[in-house]
Amino acid sequence: QVQLVESGGGLVQAGGSLRLSCAARGSIFRLNVMGWYRQAPGKQRELVATITSGGSTYYADSVKGRFTISRDNARNTAYLQMNSLKPEDTAVYYCNVAIRVVTSEDYWGQGTQVTVSS
């Protein structure tokens, strides 16, 4: 079975940095989009960033210039480098893998807590 294993969450002060990792275990079609979502208490889940297998990226306006998404296709791993963190970045962050070639499949990580103190 496919499993997404996340790591890197934690508690940091405003202005600090964290790097999240998402390792995909199992067989996943190589043409896919990996992304990070987040959900703050009482809020809807929102898209943070995505990256295709070809390296094309997308960022939400709220994180542009502060966050960087990357991936290592050989390791089936995605990363989210988060700099200049703000209290409003506090949320549970979820990794997602989407496949839209031939089939339509979505896989999700368990979520990792990021807390930014003021």
Protein backbone atom coordinates (compact mmCIF):
# COMPACT_ATOMS: atom_id res chain seq x y z
CA GLN A 1 0.00 0.00 0.00
CA VAL A 2 1.03 3.60 -0.53
CA GLN A 3 2.03 5.54 2.54
CA LEU A 4 3.23 9.13 2.90
CA VAL A 5 5.53 9.61 5.86
CA GLU A 6 5.93 13.18 7.05
CA SER A 7 8.47 14.70 9.38
CA GLY A 8 9.92 18.05 10.39
CA GLY A 9 7.08 19.75 12.21
CA GLY A 10 7.54 21.40 15.55
CA LEU A 11 7.44 24.57 17.60
CA VAL A 12 9.40 27.64 16.51
CA GLN A 13 9.43 31.34 17.28
CA ALA A 14 8.26 33.91 14.76
CA GLY A 15 10.96 34.55 12.19
CA GLY A 16 12.34 31.05 12.49
CA SER A 17 12.52 28.23 9.96
CA LEU A 18 11.41 24.64 9.56
CA ARG A 19 11.77 22.08 6.80
CA LEU A 20 9.05 19.51 6.27
CA SER A 21 9.71 16.22 4.50
CA CYS A 22 7.26 13.81 2.87
CA ALA A 23 8.53 10.41 1.78
CA ALA A 24 6.23 8.33 -0.40
CA ARG A 25 6.47 4.61 0.36
CA GLY A 26 5.25 2.02 -2.11
CA SER A 27 4.72 2.17 -5.85
CA ILE A 28 3.51 5.53 -7.10
CA PHE A 29 3.26 6.44 -10.77
CA ARG A 30 6.15 8.72 -11.62
CA LEU A 31 4.03 11.39 -13.32
CA ASN A 32 2.39 13.06 -10.37
CA VAL A 33 1.97 16.27 -8.45
CA MET A 34 3.13 16.53 -4.86
CA GLY A 35 1.72 19.25 -2.69
CA TRP A 36 1.44 20.64 0.79
CA TYR A 37 -1.83 21.70 2.38
CA ARG A 38 -2.46 23.15 5.80
CA GLN A 39 -5.40 23.48 8.14
CA ALA A 40 -5.51 25.88 11.06
CA PRO A 41 -7.94 25.42 13.97
CA GLY A 42 -11.46 26.36 12.91
CA LYS A 43 -10.37 27.00 9.31
CA GLN A 44 -10.74 25.22 5.98
CA ARG A 45 -7.86 23.23 4.60
CA GLU A 46 -5.92 25.34 2.11
CA LEU A 47 -3.36 24.64 -0.57
CA VAL A 48 0.12 25.91 0.26
CA ALA A 49 2.32 24.77 -2.62
CA THR A 50 2.60 22.13 -5.34
CA ILE A 51 5.34 20.75 -7.53
CA THR A 52 5.01 18.52 -10.57
CA SER A 53 7.30 15.66 -11.47
CA GLY A 54 8.79 18.03 -14.05
CA GLY A 55 9.58 20.65 -11.43
CA SER A 56 6.88 23.25 -12.06
CA THR A 57 5.82 24.96 -8.84
CA TYR A 58 2.85 26.86 -7.49
CA TYR A 59 2.61 28.85 -4.26
CA ALA A 60 -0.24 30.41 -2.39
CA ASP A 61 0.11 34.19 -2.19
CA SER A 62 0.42 34.02 1.59
CA VAL A 63 3.69 32.06 1.43
CA LYS A 64 5.37 33.40 -1.71
CA GLY A 65 8.91 34.51 -1.02
CA ARG A 66 9.02 32.64 2.30
CA PHE A 67 8.35 28.98 1.46
CA THR A 68 10.08 26.79 -1.12
CA ILE A 69 8.79 23.44 -2.32
CA SER A 70 11.14 20.90 -3.87
CA ARG A 71 11.26 17.20 -4.64
CA ASP A 72 13.64 14.36 -5.24
CA ASN A 73 12.03 12.05 -7.77
CA ALA A 74 14.58 9.30 -7.20
CA ARG A 75 13.71 9.23 -3.51
CA ASN A 76 9.97 9.90 -3.99
CA THR A 77 10.30 12.67 -1.45
CA ALA A 78 8.95 16.21 -1.30
CA TYR A 79 10.16 19.02 0.92
CA LEU A 80 8.78 22.30 2.14
CA GLN A 81 11.34 24.80 3.37
CA MET A 82 9.58 27.39 5.50
CA ASN A 83 11.43 30.60 6.37
CA SER A 84 10.39 33.80 8.12
CA LEU A 85 7.59 31.94 9.83
CA LYS A 86 4.66 33.89 11.22
CA PRO A 87 2.10 32.96 13.88
CA GLU A 88 -0.52 32.74 11.14
CA ASP A 89 1.44 29.86 9.62
CA THR A 90 0.43 27.73 12.60
CA ALA A 91 -1.49 24.73 11.30
CA VAL A 92 -1.41 21.03 10.66
CA TYR A 93 0.46 20.51 7.40
CA TYR A 94 -0.51 17.64 5.11
CA CYS A 95 1.41 16.13 2.22
CA ASN A 96 -0.52 15.08 -0.88
CA VAL A 97 0.32 13.11 -4.00
CA ALA A 98 -2.07 13.38 -6.95
CA ILE A 99 -2.02 11.14 -10.02
CA ARG A 100 -4.12 12.13 -13.03
CA VAL A 101 -2.64 9.93 -15.76
CA VAL A 102 -4.89 7.02 -16.81
CA THR A 103 -6.28 6.84 -13.28
CA SER A 104 -7.21 9.45 -10.70
CA GLU A 105 -5.61 8.81 -7.33
CA ASP A 106 -4.88 10.87 -4.24
CA TYR A 107 -2.74 9.94 -1.26
CA TRP A 108 -2.39 11.88 1.96
CA GLY A 109 0.04 12.01 4.81
CA GLN A 110 -1.06 11.89 8.42
CA GLY A 111 -0.33 15.56 9.02
CA THR A 112 2.39 17.23 11.03
CA GLN A 113 1.87 20.09 13.47
CA VAL A 114 3.64 23.39 12.90
CA THR A 115 3.31 25.93 15.69
CA VAL A 116 4.80 29.42 15.45
CA SER A 117 4.89 31.45 18.64
CA SER A 118 4.92 35.24 18.74
